[in-house]
Amino acid sequence: MPGRSYDKEIRAKAVRLVRDHVGDYATEWAAIKAVSGRLGMSGETLRKWLRQSEVEAGQVAGVTTESARQIRELKRKNAELERTIAI
């Protein structure tokens, strides 16, 4: 379902299910597809959640959700200031 939003609990449950049952499948992708199919989301959505959870846990390099939020806010403020200066 394009554009569908999932709450934090559903995301955490889906990620946990994949991590708990990845050993039951031949590949991580197979586990992702099985869990995502049961929970009614796309496999790619769940794969992205898994990768982001690895970033949040510091297991891989990347931008955390909080850092991304701060960057967006700073960019918004910067654009607002630039518009004010232009006036």
Protein backbone atom coordinates (compact mmCIF):
# COMPACT_ATOMS: atom_id res chain seq x y z
CA MET A 1 0.00 0.00 0.00
CA PRO A 2 1.84 3.15 -1.16
CA GLY A 3 2.08 5.92 1.38
CA ARG A 4 0.84 3.84 4.26
CA SER A 5 2.21 4.80 7.65
CA TYR A 6 3.06 2.27 10.34
CA ASP A 7 3.41 3.07 14.01
CA LYS A 8 6.59 2.46 15.97
CA GLU A 9 5.24 -0.68 17.64
CA ILE A 10 4.47 -2.38 14.32
CA ARG A 11 7.92 -1.46 12.98
CA ALA A 12 9.65 -2.78 16.09
CA LYS A 13 7.59 -5.99 16.01
CA ALA A 14 8.38 -6.62 12.34
CA VAL A 15 12.12 -6.03 12.84
CA ARG A 16 12.14 -8.26 15.93
CA LEU A 17 10.31 -11.06 14.10
CA VAL A 18 12.83 -11.04 11.26
CA ARG A 19 15.78 -11.06 13.66
CA ASP A 20 14.25 -13.84 15.77
CA HIS A 21 13.40 -16.07 12.79
CA VAL A 22 16.09 -15.33 10.21
CA GLY A 23 17.72 -18.67 11.05
CA ASP A 24 14.53 -20.48 10.01
CA TYR A 25 14.97 -19.35 6.39
CA ALA A 26 17.63 -19.86 3.73
CA THR A 27 18.31 -16.11 3.43
CA GLU A 28 17.55 -12.92 5.29
CA TRP A 29 15.44 -11.81 2.32
CA ALA A 30 13.31 -14.95 2.61
CA ALA A 31 12.67 -14.15 6.28
CA ILE A 32 11.84 -10.54 5.39
CA LYS A 33 9.39 -11.63 2.69
CA ALA A 34 7.68 -14.12 5.03
CA VAL A 35 7.29 -11.64 7.90
CA SER A 36 6.27 -8.74 5.68
CA GLY A 37 3.67 -10.90 3.95
CA ARG A 38 2.13 -11.89 7.27
CA LEU A 39 2.06 -8.31 8.53
CA GLY A 40 0.76 -6.77 5.30
CA MET A 41 3.68 -4.60 4.25
CA SER A 42 6.14 -4.76 1.40
CA GLY A 43 9.38 -6.63 1.81
CA GLU A 44 11.35 -3.56 0.77
CA THR A 45 9.72 -1.49 3.51
CA LEU A 46 10.70 -4.04 6.13
CA ARG A 47 14.23 -4.33 4.68
CA LYS A 48 14.67 -0.57 5.04
CA TRP A 49 13.45 -0.71 8.65
CA LEU A 50 15.99 -3.44 9.38
CA ARG A 51 18.84 -1.42 7.88
CA GLN A 52 17.78 1.71 9.77
CA SER A 53 17.58 -0.24 13.04
CA GLU A 54 21.20 -1.32 12.46
CA VAL A 55 22.18 2.34 12.05
CA GLU A 56 20.25 3.32 15.19
CA ALA A 57 22.03 0.58 17.15
CA GLY A 58 25.43 1.76 15.91
CA GLN A 59 26.10 -1.53 14.12
CA VAL A 60 26.63 0.15 10.74
CA ALA A 61 27.50 3.66 9.61
CA GLY A 62 24.67 5.95 8.64
CA VAL A 63 22.46 8.83 9.68
CA THR A 64 20.23 8.15 12.66
CA THR A 65 16.58 9.13 12.63
CA GLU A 66 17.21 11.86 15.21
CA SER A 67 20.13 13.30 13.24
CA ALA A 68 18.05 13.32 10.07
CA ARG A 69 15.26 15.15 11.92
CA GLN A 70 17.72 17.76 13.20
CA ILE A 71 19.21 18.24 9.72
CA ARG A 72 15.73 18.75 8.20
CA GLU A 73 14.86 21.29 10.90
CA LEU A 74 18.12 23.21 10.42
CA LYS A 75 17.64 23.27 6.64
CA ARG A 76 14.11 24.59 7.12
CA LYS A 77 15.34 27.34 9.48
CA ASN A 78 18.17 28.21 7.09
CA ALA A 79 15.76 28.54 4.17
CA GLU A 80 13.48 30.72 6.29
CA LEU A 81 16.39 32.99 7.23
CA GLU A 82 17.51 33.23 3.60
CA ARG A 83 13.98 34.27 2.57
CA THR A 84 13.95 36.88 5.35
CA ILE A 85 17.33 38.27 4.22
CA ALA A 86 16.14 38.42 0.61
CA ILE A 87 13.21 40.64 1.61
